[in-house]
Each structure stands twice: as structure tokens, then as C-alpha cells.
C-alpha atoms as a PDB file:
ATOM      1  CA  MET A   1      -8.895   1.777  16.531  1.00  0.00           C
ATOM      2  CA  LYS A   2      -6.077  -0.346  16.937  1.00  0.00           C
ATOM      3  CA  THR A   3      -4.239  -2.128  14.183  1.00  0.00           C
ATOM      4  CA  LYS A   4      -5.540  -5.663  13.957  1.00  0.00           C
ATOM      5  CA  VAL A   5      -2.345  -8.167  13.531  1.00  0.00           C
ATOM      6  CA  LEU A   6      -2.238 -11.684  12.456  1.00  0.00           C
ATOM      7  CA  VAL A   7       0.869 -13.702  13.367  1.00  0.00           C
ATOM      8  CA  VAL A   8       1.475 -16.767  11.378  1.00  0.00           C
ATOM      9  CA  GLU A   9       3.964 -18.945  13.175  1.00  0.00           C
ATOM     10  CA  ASN A  10       4.311 -22.782  13.942  1.00  0.00           C
ATOM     11  CA  GLU A  11       6.614 -22.425  17.089  1.00  0.00           C
ATOM     12  CA  ILE A  12       4.328 -21.704  19.693  1.00  0.00           C
ATOM     13  CA  LEU A  13       6.774 -20.076  22.128  1.00  0.00           C
ATOM     14  CA  ILE A  14       7.956 -17.686  19.297  1.00  0.00           C
ATOM     15  CA  ALA A  15       4.421 -16.762  18.328  1.00  0.00           C
ATOM     16  CA  ASP A  16       3.433 -16.145  21.793  1.00  0.00           C
ATOM     17  CA  ASP A  17       6.520 -13.879  22.437  1.00  0.00           C
ATOM     18  CA  LEU A  18       5.592 -11.993  19.286  1.00  0.00           C
ATOM     19  CA  CYS A  19       2.280 -11.633  20.166  1.00  0.00           C
ATOM     20  CA  ALA A  20       3.073 -10.389  23.499  1.00  0.00           C
ATOM     21  CA  THR A  21       5.455  -7.878  22.089  1.00  0.00           C
ATOM     22  CA  LEU A  22       2.865  -6.581  19.629  1.00  0.00           C
ATOM     23  CA  GLU A  23       0.239  -6.126  22.534  1.00  0.00           C
ATOM     24  CA  GLU A  24       2.768  -4.033  24.521  1.00  0.00           C
ATOM     25  CA  LEU A  25       3.235  -2.016  21.270  1.00  0.00           C
ATOM     26  CA  ASN A  26      -0.525  -1.186  21.367  1.00  0.00           C
ATOM     27  CA  TYR A  27      -1.614  -3.573  18.451  1.00  0.00           C
ATOM     28  CA  HIS A  28      -4.717  -5.410  18.303  1.00  0.00           C
ATOM     29  CA  VAL A  29      -3.458  -9.140  18.262  1.00  0.00           C
ATOM     30  CA  LEU A  30      -5.380 -12.106  17.073  1.00  0.00           C
ATOM     31  CA  GLU A  31      -4.874 -15.590  17.942  1.00  0.00           C
ATOM     32  CA  PRO A  32      -1.829 -16.767  16.233  1.00  0.00           C
ATOM     33  CA  ALA A  33      -2.001 -19.268  13.090  1.00  0.00           C
ATOM     34  CA  LEU A  34       0.301 -21.983  13.619  1.00  0.00           C
ATOM     35  CA  ASP A  35       0.128 -23.422   9.944  1.00  0.00           C
ATOM     36  CA  TYR A  36      -1.046 -22.570   6.484  1.00  0.00           C
ATOM     37  CA  TYR A  37      -4.802 -23.771   6.902  1.00  0.00           C
ATOM     38  CA  SER A  38      -5.425 -21.936  10.032  1.00  0.00           C
ATOM     39  CA  ALA A  39      -3.763 -18.773   8.471  1.00  0.00           C
ATOM     40  CA  ILE A  40      -6.253 -19.204   5.597  1.00  0.00           C
ATOM     41  CA  GLU A  41      -9.166 -19.771   7.874  1.00  0.00           C
ATOM     42  CA  VAL A  42      -8.458 -16.708   9.849  1.00  0.00           C
ATOM     43  CA  LEU A  43      -8.061 -14.626   6.606  1.00  0.00           C
ATOM     44  CA  GLN A  44     -11.282 -15.582   5.298  1.00  0.00           C
ATOM     45  CA  THR A  45     -13.222 -14.948   8.409  1.00  0.00           C
ATOM     46  CA  GLU A  46     -11.595 -11.793  10.157  1.00  0.00           C
ATOM     47  CA  SER A  47     -10.572  -8.207   9.102  1.00  0.00           C
ATOM     48  CA  VAL A  48      -6.811  -8.033   9.141  1.00  0.00           C
ATOM     49  CA  ASP A  49      -4.593  -5.004   8.917  1.00  0.00           C
ATOM     50  CA  ILE A  50      -1.485  -6.549   8.627  1.00  0.00           C
ATOM     51  CA  VAL A  51      -0.001 -10.183   8.613  1.00  0.00           C
ATOM     52  CA  ILE A  52       3.184 -11.462   9.994  1.00  0.00           C
ATOM     53  CA  LEU A  53       4.633 -14.665   8.218  1.00  0.00           C
ATOM     54  CA  ASP A  54       7.135 -17.189   9.303  1.00  0.00           C
ATOM     55  CA  ILE A  55       8.292 -18.594   6.178  1.00  0.00           C
ATOM     56  CA  GLN A  56       8.727 -22.099   7.372  1.00  0.00           C
ATOM     57  CA  LEU A  57       5.571 -23.626   8.961  1.00  0.00           C
ATOM     58  CA  GLY A  58       6.595 -26.994   9.501  1.00  0.00           C
ATOM     59  CA  GLY A  59       4.771 -28.604   6.567  1.00  0.00           C
ATOM     60  CA  LYS A  60       4.455 -28.615   2.727  1.00  0.00           C
ATOM     61  CA  LYS A  61       2.787 -25.161   2.997  1.00  0.00           C
ATOM     62  CA  THR A  62       4.820 -22.298   3.642  1.00  0.00           C
ATOM     63  CA  GLY A  63       4.573 -18.756   4.597  1.00  0.00           C
ATOM     64  CA  MET A  64       5.099 -17.939   1.150  1.00  0.00           C
ATOM     65  CA  ASP A  65       1.950 -19.805  -0.037  1.00  0.00           C
ATOM     66  CA  VAL A  66      -0.044 -17.670   2.664  1.00  0.00           C
ATOM     67  CA  ALA A  67       1.523 -14.438   0.851  1.00  0.00           C
ATOM     68  CA  GLU A  68       0.486 -15.715  -2.440  1.00  0.00           C
ATOM     69  CA  TYR A  69      -3.112 -16.338  -1.151  1.00  0.00           C
ATOM     70  CA  ILE A  70      -3.009 -12.699   0.442  1.00  0.00           C
ATOM     71  CA  ARG A  71      -1.865 -11.203  -2.782  1.00  0.00           C
ATOM     72  CA  LYS A  72      -4.471 -12.902  -4.969  1.00  0.00           C
ATOM     73  CA  HIS A  73      -7.399 -12.293  -2.640  1.00  0.00           C
ATOM     74  CA  LEU A  74      -6.686  -9.585  -0.217  1.00  0.00           C
ATOM     75  CA  ASN A  75      -5.410  -5.936   0.017  1.00  0.00           C
ATOM     76  CA  VAL A  76      -3.354  -6.566   3.132  1.00  0.00           C
ATOM     77  CA  PRO A  77       0.498  -5.974   3.584  1.00  0.00           C
ATOM     78  CA  PHE A  78       2.566  -8.747   5.030  1.00  0.00           C
ATOM     79  CA  ILE A  79       5.812  -8.990   6.413  1.00  0.00           C
ATOM     80  CA  TYR A  80       8.162 -12.207   6.811  1.00  0.00           C
ATOM     81  CA  LEU A  81       9.767 -13.416  10.095  1.00  0.00           C
ATOM     82  CA  SER A  82      12.709 -15.643   9.802  1.00  0.00           C
ATOM     83  CA  SER A  83      15.860 -16.891  11.422  1.00  0.00           C
ATOM     84  CA  HIS A  84      17.514 -16.738   7.868  1.00  0.00           C
ATOM     85  CA  SER A  85      18.917 -13.600   6.302  1.00  0.00           C
ATOM     86  CA  ASP A  86      21.086 -15.214   3.728  1.00  0.00           C
ATOM     87  CA  GLN A  87      21.026 -13.958   0.114  1.00  0.00           C
ATOM     88  CA  LYS A  88      19.316 -17.200  -1.039  1.00  0.00           C
ATOM     89  CA  THR A  89      16.498 -16.971   1.359  1.00  0.00           C
ATOM     90  CA  LEU A  90      15.995 -13.266   0.386  1.00  0.00           C
ATOM     91  CA  GLU A  91      15.993 -14.079  -3.364  1.00  0.00           C
ATOM     92  CA  LEU A  92      13.414 -16.828  -2.714  1.00  0.00           C
ATOM     93  CA  VAL A  93      10.856 -14.369  -1.091  1.00  0.00           C
ATOM     94  CA  LYS A  94      11.437 -11.405  -3.136  1.00  0.00           C
ATOM     95  CA  ASP A  95       9.021 -12.204  -5.988  1.00  0.00           C
ATOM     96  CA  THR A  96       6.125 -12.383  -3.375  1.00  0.00           C
ATOM     97  CA  MET A  97       6.684  -8.747  -2.803  1.00  0.00           C
ATOM     98  CA  PRO A  98       6.677  -8.674   1.177  1.00  0.00           C
ATOM     99  CA  TYR A  99       6.322  -5.045   2.810  1.00  0.00           C
ATOM    100  CA  GLY A 100       9.247  -5.985   5.263  1.00  0.00           C
ATOM    101  CA  TYR A 101      11.419  -8.727   6.810  1.00  0.00           C
ATOM    102  CA  LEU A 102      11.849  -9.350  10.473  1.00  0.00           C
ATOM    103  CA  VAL A 103      15.048 -11.633  11.622  1.00  0.00           C
ATOM    104  CA  LYS A 104      14.785 -13.663  14.701  1.00  0.00           C
ATOM    105  CA  PRO A 105      15.704 -12.930  17.262  1.00  0.00           C
ATOM    106  CA  PHE A 106      13.541  -9.953  17.038  1.00  0.00           C
ATOM    107  CA  ASN A 107      13.200  -6.919  19.477  1.00  0.00           C
ATOM    108  CA  ALA A 108      10.461  -4.445  20.183  1.00  0.00           C
ATOM    109  CA  PRO A 109      12.036  -1.560  18.151  1.00  0.00           C
ATOM    110  CA  ASP A 110      12.746  -3.512  15.201  1.00  0.00           C
ATOM    111  CA  VAL A 111       9.051  -4.897  15.311  1.00  0.00           C
ATOM    112  CA  GLN A 112       7.619  -1.337  15.699  1.00  0.00           C
ATOM    113  CA  THR A 113       9.581   0.235  12.868  1.00  0.00           C
ATOM    114  CA  THR A 114       9.042  -2.675  10.284  1.00  0.00           C
ATOM    115  CA  LEU A 115       5.465  -2.770  11.037  1.00  0.00           C
ATOM    116  CA  ALA A 116       5.223   1.284  10.844  1.00  0.00           C
ATOM    117  CA  ILE A 117       6.985   1.218   7.399  1.00  0.00           C
ATOM    118  CA  ALA A 118       4.888  -1.506   5.978  1.00  0.00           C
ATOM    119  CA  LEU A 119       1.690   0.126   6.893  1.00  0.00           C
ATOM    120  CA  SER A 120       2.925   3.258   5.735  1.00  0.00           C
ATOM    121  CA  ASN A 121       4.101   2.042   2.496  1.00  0.00           C
ATOM    122  CA  HIS A 122       0.722  -0.106   1.877  1.00  0.00           C
ATOM    123  CA  SER A 123      -1.292   2.896   2.610  1.00  0.00           C
ATOM    124  CA  ARG A 124       0.595   5.075  -0.128  1.00  0.00           C
ATOM    125  CA  TYR A 125       0.407   2.226  -2.527  1.00  0.00           C
ATOM    126  CA  THR A 126      -3.344   1.738  -2.231  1.00  0.00           C
ATOM    127  CA  ASN A 127      -4.094   5.585  -2.550  1.00  0.00           C
ATOM    128  CA  LYS A 128      -1.539   5.762  -5.387  1.00  0.00           C
ATOM    129  CA  ARG A 129      -3.348   2.816  -7.280  1.00  0.00           C
ATOM    130  CA  ALA A 130      -6.674   4.323  -6.372  1.00  0.00           C
ATOM    131  CA  SER A 131      -5.722   7.686  -7.846  1.00  0.00           C
ATOM    132  CA  TYR A 132      -4.407   5.985 -10.888  1.00  0.00           C
ATOM    133  CA  GLU A 133      -7.480   3.864 -11.613  1.00  0.00           C
ATOM    134  CA  LYS A 134      -9.496   6.987 -10.984  1.00  0.00           C
ATOM    135  CA  GLU A 135      -7.616   9.062 -13.422  1.00  0.00           C
ATOM    136  CA  GLU A 136      -7.613   6.238 -15.992  1.00  0.00           C
ATOM    137  CA  LYS A 137     -11.244   5.747 -15.500  1.00  0.00           C
ATOM    138  CA  VAL A 138     -12.178   9.500 -16.395  1.00  0.00           C
ATOM    139  CA  ASP A 139     -10.588   8.911 -19.692  1.00  0.00           C
ATOM    140  CA  LEU A 140      -8.899  12.377 -19.879  1.00  0.00           C
ATOM    141  CA  THR A 141      -7.931  13.487 -23.349  1.00  0.00           C
ATOM    142  CA  PRO A 142      -4.411  13.975 -24.507  1.00  0.00           C
ATOM    143  CA  MET A 143      -4.655  17.730 -24.086  1.00  0.00           C
ATOM    144  CA  GLU A 144      -6.401  17.565 -20.810  1.00  0.00           C
ATOM    145  CA  LYS A 145      -3.552  15.538 -19.425  1.00  0.00           C
ATOM    146  CA  VAL A 146      -1.152  17.991 -20.690  1.00  0.00           C
ATOM    147  CA  VAL A 147      -3.001  20.915 -18.778  1.00  0.00           C
ATOM    148  CA  LEU A 148      -3.325  18.745 -15.814  1.00  0.00           C
ATOM    149  CA  ARG A 149       0.567  18.215 -15.654  1.00  0.00           C
ATOM    150  CA  LEU A 150       1.026  21.940 -16.183  1.00  0.00           C
ATOM    151  CA  VAL A 151      -1.395  22.560 -13.263  1.00  0.00           C
ATOM    152  CA  ALA A 152       0.678  20.319 -11.196  1.00  0.00           C
ATOM    153  CA  ASP A 153       3.604  22.104 -11.955  1.00  0.00           C
ATOM    154  CA  ASN A 154       1.925  25.099 -10.306  1.00  0.00           C
ATOM    155  CA  LYS A 155       1.460  27.225 -13.679  1.00  0.00           C
ATOM    156  CA  THR A 156      -1.285  29.824 -13.832  1.00  0.00           C
ATOM    157  CA  THR A 157      -4.316  29.852 -16.519  1.00  0.00           C
ATOM    158  CA  LYS A 158      -2.350  32.455 -18.359  1.00  0.00           C
ATOM    159  CA  GLU A 159       1.182  30.538 -18.178  1.00  0.00           C
ATOM    160  CA  ILE A 160      -0.533  27.493 -19.554  1.00  0.00           C
ATOM    161  CA  ALA A 161      -2.179  29.395 -22.353  1.00  0.00           C
ATOM    162  CA  GLU A 162       1.061  31.073 -23.475  1.00  0.00           C
ATOM    163  CA  TRP A 163       2.899  27.535 -22.940  1.00  0.00           C
ATOM    164  CA  LEU A 164       0.535  25.865 -25.220  1.00  0.00           C
ATOM    165  CA  SER A 165      -0.138  28.693 -27.526  1.00  0.00           C
ATOM    166  CA  ILE A 166      -3.775  28.423 -26.913  1.00  0.00           C
ATOM    167  CA  SER A 167      -6.399  31.084 -25.568  1.00  0.00           C
ATOM    168  CA  LEU A 168      -7.291  31.685 -21.891  1.00  0.00           C
ATOM    169  CA  SER A 169     -10.765  30.538 -22.550  1.00  0.00           C
ATOM    170  CA  THR A 170      -9.518  27.312 -23.991  1.00  0.00           C
ATOM    171  CA  VAL A 171      -7.584  26.517 -20.962  1.00  0.00           C
ATOM    172  CA  LYS A 172     -10.551  27.437 -18.849  1.00  0.00           C
ATOM    173  CA  ASN A 173     -12.533  25.052 -20.637  1.00  0.00           C
ATOM    174  CA  HIS A 174     -10.045  22.359 -20.098  1.00  0.00           C
ATOM    175  CA  ARG A 175      -9.894  23.012 -16.491  1.00  0.00           C
ATOM    176  CA  HIS A 176     -13.484  22.991 -16.093  1.00  0.00           C
ATOM    177  CA  ASN A 177     -13.923  19.584 -17.983  1.00  0.00           C
ATOM    178  CA  ILE A 178     -11.049  18.168 -16.048  1.00  0.00           C
ATOM    179  CA  CYS A 179     -12.844  19.103 -12.680  1.00  0.00           C
ATOM    180  CA  VAL A 180     -16.050  17.622 -13.719  1.00  0.00           C
ATOM    181  CA  LYS A 181     -14.512  14.385 -14.876  1.00  0.00           C
ATOM    182  CA  LEU A 182     -12.484  14.040 -11.581  1.00  0.00           C
ATOM    183  CA  ASP A 183     -15.640  15.227  -9.647  1.00  0.00           C
ATOM    184  CA  LEU A 184     -13.789  18.041  -8.241  1.00  0.00           C
ATOM    185  CA  PRO A 185     -15.500  21.355  -7.091  1.00  0.00           C
ATOM    186  CA  GLN A 186     -14.675  24.241  -9.723  1.00  0.00           C
ATOM    187  CA  GLY A 187     -11.960  26.290  -8.550  1.00  0.00           C
ATOM    188  CA  THR A 188      -8.147  26.673  -8.672  1.00  0.00           C
ATOM    189  CA  HIS A 189      -7.095  25.398  -5.446  1.00  0.00           C
ATOM    190  CA  SER A 190      -9.131  21.957  -5.656  1.00  0.00           C
ATOM    191  CA  LEU A 191      -7.764  20.992  -9.080  1.00  0.00           C
ATOM    192  CA  LEU A 192      -4.201  22.370  -8.041  1.00  0.00           C
ATOM    193  CA  LYS A 193      -4.386  20.083  -4.826  1.00  0.00           C
ATOM    194  CA  TRP A 194      -5.605  17.209  -6.760  1.00  0.00           C
ATOM    195  CA  ALA A 195      -3.039  17.527  -9.408  1.00  0.00           C
ATOM    196  CA  ILE A 196       0.009  18.041  -7.004  1.00  0.00           C
ATOM    197  CA  GLU A 197      -1.101  14.997  -4.703  1.00  0.00           C
ATOM    198  CA  ASN A 198      -1.600  12.707  -7.728  1.00  0.00           C
ATOM    199  CA  LYS A 199       1.222  13.743  -9.860  1.00  0.00           C
ATOM    200  CA  HIS A 200       2.831  10.364  -9.868  1.00  0.00           C
ATOM    201  CA  THR A 201      -0.202   9.015 -11.968  1.00  0.00           C
ATOM    202  CA  PHE A 202      -0.106  10.982 -15.115  1.00  0.00           C
ATOM    203  CA  TYR A 203       3.629  11.900 -15.604  1.00  0.00           C
END
């Protein structure tokens, strides 16, 4: 399935040019939104994978206002499009936490690279947040978290027991309880795989 892109740009020629570039790059491009209100309408009615926002939209409401709406109501990455790359502009938009920044005039390789990085980073962030929320939700005990960290360090049950000065059966019980709480199949490899992939959530 193609990635669905919304372009929010008040200059029609630039919007059409960007949409044509995106279509050549094999993206599914929605009809561009020319102002804040039309952008919000699309975001409320369409499923969108990523949004490209011009900062200035020719009215009181700017691309940053659209960005704030996205941050409050949607889990969608957005990147800015602007003819300005000065420090003042960058400082202005930084607090809205964009996933990228395209400078006009743009070219196809820049568009492709910026979108690919933005989508990848958003996917990683979403997965990281989901893993963190899952780990928090299951409410592991302090000792279970210690055991999980040691599992992530690829230590065996015997090594964990020696490291913590506890019995093998106690370590096995902790591992069993962790698997139950995380809804993982019992076994060394499933817990090890989860611990390594989600190491950032409990360190």
C-alpha cells in the first residue's frame, strides 16, 4: 500500500509541483490543502501517513498551527516546507517538533530522503512509545526489571543467579513471571529477543 501524503501549501503552483514530484516517487498524494482550515478538514476526514507543511499559509493561521493540531489529535509525522532556512525561522519551528525540514526550491532526491527519514523515525518512535507503555503497564517489580536488564545483556540464567547472588530457581521464577506479564511465550529466546529489542525502555 502506498504511503498517503497531504501537502499543505498556499501557493498553487508550488503545491502542484510538489504533488507531481511525490507521485513520481510513488506516493499516494491527496488533493493539496491551501490553508489551515482546509488542512484540518482533510485531517479530520482522511487517513494520512505524513504531512508536508508550508510554514506561511497566507493568513493568520500558519503551518505551525496545523502542526499543533496534529500533535494534539493525531499520531502522524509532519515536515516543514519553507523558502527560509535562517536560524530565526528554525528556532521558531523547533518547538513544534517536526520530523524534517525541506527548503524551497526542492528536488526529488531531497523530498525522497526527507520523507523516508521522517517516516522511519516516526515508526521507531511509535514502537518505542508502545513498548514503553507496555512495560509500564505490566508493572514489573524492581527485581524483575534488574533480571530483564541482565537478560538484555545476554546473560544466562546461571550468570544472572551468580551476579545477583540468588538461586537458579529464583531467577527462573522471575523469568517466568516476566514472560507472563509481557504476554510472551515461555522460553529463553522469546524473552531475550523482547529484552534486546526493547532495551531502551527499561534502562
